[in-house]
N, C-alpha and C. Protein backbone atom coordinates (compact mmCIF):
# COMPACT_ATOMS: atom_id res chain seq x y z
N MET A 1 -75.39 59.90 15.28
CA MET A 1 -74.22 59.05 15.40
C MET A 1 -74.26 58.23 16.69
N ILE A 2 -74.62 58.85 17.79
CA ILE A 2 -74.70 58.14 19.06
C ILE A 2 -75.73 57.01 18.98
N GLU A 3 -76.81 57.23 18.27
CA GLU A 3 -77.83 56.20 18.12
C GLU A 3 -77.27 54.95 17.46
N ASP A 4 -76.28 55.14 16.57
CA ASP A 4 -75.67 54.01 15.86
C ASP A 4 -74.83 53.12 16.79
N LEU A 5 -74.42 53.65 17.93
CA LEU A 5 -73.53 52.91 18.83
C LEU A 5 -74.27 52.07 19.87
N LYS A 6 -75.56 52.14 19.88
CA LYS A 6 -76.33 51.38 20.87
C LYS A 6 -76.31 49.89 20.56
N GLY A 7 -76.53 49.11 21.59
CA GLY A 7 -76.63 47.66 21.41
C GLY A 7 -75.30 46.96 21.58
N ALA A 8 -75.14 45.89 20.82
CA ALA A 8 -73.96 45.02 20.96
C ALA A 8 -72.65 45.74 20.67
N GLU A 9 -72.68 46.71 19.78
CA GLU A 9 -71.44 47.41 19.42
C GLU A 9 -70.83 48.16 20.59
N THR A 10 -71.64 48.63 21.51
CA THR A 10 -71.09 49.36 22.66
C THR A 10 -70.28 48.45 23.56
N TRP A 11 -70.58 47.17 23.55
CA TRP A 11 -69.84 46.21 24.38
C TRP A 11 -68.59 45.70 23.68
N ARG A 12 -68.43 46.02 22.43
CA ARG A 12 -67.28 45.53 21.66
C ARG A 12 -65.96 45.95 22.29
N VAL A 13 -65.88 47.17 22.79
CA VAL A 13 -64.64 47.65 23.41
C VAL A 13 -64.25 46.78 24.59
N PHE A 14 -65.21 46.29 25.34
CA PHE A 14 -64.91 45.43 26.49
C PHE A 14 -64.43 44.05 26.05
N ARG A 15 -64.99 43.55 24.96
CA ARG A 15 -64.51 42.26 24.43
C ARG A 15 -63.07 42.39 23.95
N ILE A 16 -62.76 43.48 23.26
CA ILE A 16 -61.40 43.71 22.79
C ILE A 16 -60.45 43.84 23.97
N MET A 17 -60.86 44.61 24.98
CA MET A 17 -60.03 44.80 26.16
C MET A 17 -59.79 43.47 26.87
N SER A 18 -60.80 42.62 26.95
CA SER A 18 -60.63 41.34 27.63
C SER A 18 -59.64 40.45 26.88
N GLU A 19 -59.60 40.56 25.54
CA GLU A 19 -58.62 39.79 24.78
C GLU A 19 -57.20 40.24 25.09
N PHE A 20 -57.00 41.55 25.24
CA PHE A 20 -55.68 42.05 25.63
C PHE A 20 -55.29 41.54 27.01
N VAL A 21 -56.21 41.62 27.96
CA VAL A 21 -55.93 41.17 29.33
C VAL A 21 -55.59 39.69 29.34
N GLU A 22 -56.38 38.88 28.65
CA GLU A 22 -56.11 37.44 28.59
C GLU A 22 -54.75 37.16 27.96
N GLY A 23 -54.43 37.89 26.90
CA GLY A 23 -53.14 37.70 26.24
C GLY A 23 -51.97 38.03 27.15
N PHE A 24 -52.06 39.15 27.85
CA PHE A 24 -50.98 39.52 28.76
C PHE A 24 -50.85 38.53 29.92
N GLU A 25 -51.96 38.03 30.41
CA GLU A 25 -51.90 37.03 31.47
C GLU A 25 -51.23 35.75 30.98
N GLU A 26 -51.50 35.36 29.76
CA GLU A 26 -50.91 34.14 29.20
C GLU A 26 -49.40 34.25 29.04
N ILE A 27 -48.91 35.42 28.65
CA ILE A 27 -47.47 35.56 28.38
C ILE A 27 -46.68 36.13 29.55
N SER A 28 -47.33 36.42 30.66
CA SER A 28 -46.64 37.08 31.77
C SER A 28 -45.51 36.25 32.38
N ASP A 29 -45.56 34.94 32.26
CA ASP A 29 -44.53 34.09 32.85
C ASP A 29 -43.50 33.59 31.85
N ILE A 30 -43.53 34.08 30.64
CA ILE A 30 -42.63 33.58 29.60
C ILE A 30 -41.17 33.95 29.87
N GLY A 31 -40.91 35.16 30.31
CA GLY A 31 -39.54 35.62 30.51
C GLY A 31 -39.00 36.26 29.25
N PRO A 32 -37.67 36.28 29.09
CA PRO A 32 -37.09 36.92 27.90
C PRO A 32 -37.62 36.28 26.62
N ALA A 33 -38.05 37.12 25.70
CA ALA A 33 -38.63 36.60 24.45
C ALA A 33 -38.33 37.55 23.30
N VAL A 34 -38.36 37.00 22.12
CA VAL A 34 -38.20 37.79 20.90
C VAL A 34 -39.48 37.62 20.09
N THR A 35 -40.08 38.74 19.72
CA THR A 35 -41.29 38.72 18.90
C THR A 35 -40.99 39.41 17.59
N ILE A 36 -41.34 38.79 16.49
CA ILE A 36 -41.07 39.35 15.17
C ILE A 36 -42.40 39.63 14.47
N PHE A 37 -42.54 40.86 14.02
CA PHE A 37 -43.68 41.25 13.20
C PHE A 37 -43.14 41.56 11.82
N GLY A 38 -43.85 41.17 10.80
CA GLY A 38 -43.33 41.40 9.46
C GLY A 38 -44.40 41.34 8.41
N SER A 39 -43.95 41.22 7.20
CA SER A 39 -44.85 41.20 6.06
C SER A 39 -44.60 39.96 5.21
N ALA A 40 -45.64 39.46 4.61
CA ALA A 40 -45.52 38.31 3.72
C ALA A 40 -45.26 38.74 2.29
N ARG A 41 -45.01 40.00 2.08
CA ARG A 41 -44.88 40.51 0.72
C ARG A 41 -43.47 40.43 0.15
N PHE A 42 -42.48 40.20 0.98
CA PHE A 42 -41.11 40.12 0.49
C PHE A 42 -40.73 38.67 0.22
N HIS A 43 -40.05 38.47 -0.87
CA HIS A 43 -39.58 37.13 -1.23
C HIS A 43 -38.22 36.87 -0.58
N ARG A 44 -37.81 35.61 -0.56
CA ARG A 44 -36.56 35.22 0.09
C ARG A 44 -35.33 35.91 -0.47
N ASN A 45 -35.36 36.33 -1.70
CA ASN A 45 -34.19 36.98 -2.30
C ASN A 45 -34.20 38.49 -2.14
N HIS A 46 -35.21 39.04 -1.48
CA HIS A 46 -35.29 40.49 -1.28
C HIS A 46 -34.31 40.93 -0.20
N THR A 47 -33.74 42.11 -0.37
CA THR A 47 -32.77 42.64 0.59
C THR A 47 -33.34 42.70 2.00
N TYR A 48 -34.56 43.17 2.16
CA TYR A 48 -35.15 43.28 3.50
C TYR A 48 -35.36 41.90 4.13
N TYR A 49 -35.70 40.92 3.34
CA TYR A 49 -35.87 39.56 3.85
C TYR A 49 -34.54 39.05 4.38
N LYS A 50 -33.48 39.26 3.60
CA LYS A 50 -32.15 38.81 4.02
C LYS A 50 -31.69 39.53 5.28
N LYS A 51 -31.98 40.82 5.38
CA LYS A 51 -31.60 41.57 6.59
C LYS A 51 -32.39 41.08 7.80
N ALA A 52 -33.64 40.73 7.57
CA ALA A 52 -34.45 40.20 8.67
C ALA A 52 -33.89 38.87 9.15
N VAL A 53 -33.43 38.04 8.23
CA VAL A 53 -32.82 36.75 8.59
C VAL A 53 -31.60 36.99 9.48
N GLU A 54 -30.75 37.94 9.10
CA GLU A 54 -29.56 38.25 9.90
C GLU A 54 -29.95 38.73 11.29
N MET A 55 -30.92 39.64 11.35
CA MET A 55 -31.34 40.20 12.63
C MET A 55 -31.93 39.12 13.53
N ILE A 56 -32.73 38.25 12.97
CA ILE A 56 -33.36 37.19 13.76
C ILE A 56 -32.30 36.23 14.30
N LYS A 57 -31.35 35.86 13.47
CA LYS A 57 -30.29 34.94 13.93
C LYS A 57 -29.50 35.55 15.07
N LYS A 58 -29.24 36.85 15.02
CA LYS A 58 -28.47 37.52 16.08
C LYS A 58 -29.28 37.68 17.36
N SER A 59 -30.58 37.89 17.24
CA SER A 59 -31.38 38.21 18.42
C SER A 59 -31.95 37.00 19.14
N MET A 60 -31.99 35.87 18.50
CA MET A 60 -32.61 34.70 19.12
C MET A 60 -31.57 33.80 19.77
N GLY A 61 -31.39 34.01 21.06
CA GLY A 61 -30.46 33.17 21.81
C GLY A 61 -31.13 31.90 22.30
N LYS A 62 -30.33 31.04 22.90
CA LYS A 62 -30.84 29.76 23.37
C LYS A 62 -31.86 29.91 24.50
N ASN A 63 -31.71 30.93 25.33
CA ASN A 63 -32.58 31.08 26.49
C ASN A 63 -33.74 32.04 26.25
N LYS A 64 -34.06 32.32 25.01
CA LYS A 64 -35.16 33.23 24.71
C LYS A 64 -36.31 32.46 24.06
N THR A 65 -37.49 32.86 24.43
CA THR A 65 -38.68 32.28 23.83
C THR A 65 -38.94 32.97 22.50
N LYS A 66 -39.33 32.20 21.51
CA LYS A 66 -39.63 32.76 20.20
C LYS A 66 -41.14 32.87 20.05
N VAL A 67 -41.61 34.08 19.82
CA VAL A 67 -43.03 34.33 19.62
C VAL A 67 -43.18 34.79 18.19
N SER A 68 -43.52 33.86 17.31
CA SER A 68 -43.47 34.20 15.89
C SER A 68 -44.81 34.20 15.17
N GLY A 69 -45.83 33.68 15.76
CA GLY A 69 -47.10 33.65 15.06
C GLY A 69 -46.99 32.85 13.78
N THR A 70 -47.35 33.45 12.67
CA THR A 70 -47.33 32.73 11.40
C THR A 70 -46.28 33.26 10.45
N LYS A 71 -45.36 34.05 10.94
CA LYS A 71 -44.33 34.61 10.06
C LYS A 71 -43.39 33.51 9.59
N GLU A 72 -43.39 33.23 8.32
CA GLU A 72 -42.59 32.14 7.74
C GLU A 72 -41.13 32.27 8.10
N ILE A 73 -40.59 33.46 8.00
CA ILE A 73 -39.16 33.67 8.22
C ILE A 73 -38.77 33.26 9.64
N CYS A 74 -39.57 33.61 10.62
CA CYS A 74 -39.25 33.27 12.01
C CYS A 74 -39.42 31.79 12.26
N ASN A 75 -40.50 31.25 11.76
CA ASN A 75 -40.75 29.83 11.99
C ASN A 75 -39.65 28.98 11.38
N ASN A 76 -39.16 29.34 10.23
CA ASN A 76 -38.10 28.57 9.58
C ASN A 76 -36.77 28.69 10.31
N LEU A 77 -36.49 29.85 10.86
CA LEU A 77 -35.19 30.07 11.51
C LEU A 77 -35.19 29.69 12.98
N ALA A 78 -36.29 29.90 13.65
CA ALA A 78 -36.30 29.76 15.10
C ALA A 78 -36.45 28.33 15.57
N PHE A 79 -37.07 27.51 14.80
CA PHE A 79 -37.38 26.18 15.29
C PHE A 79 -36.67 25.19 14.45
């Protein structure tokens, strides 16, 4: 098993770690923010989708940064 980890794969952990470090450095000056993680599997008429809409509307104030990635629900409501 150890033999399988030799080479480029052993450095993979450092590449992943550097991505985390770069990400944290990029967002360190943002200030108060709301980040939404979700699923693309619920349709607009689903109960959970509707509850998420309510929660997002309540949590996203004028002075908060919206970090939504590609979540349709956040992008539609936040911007």
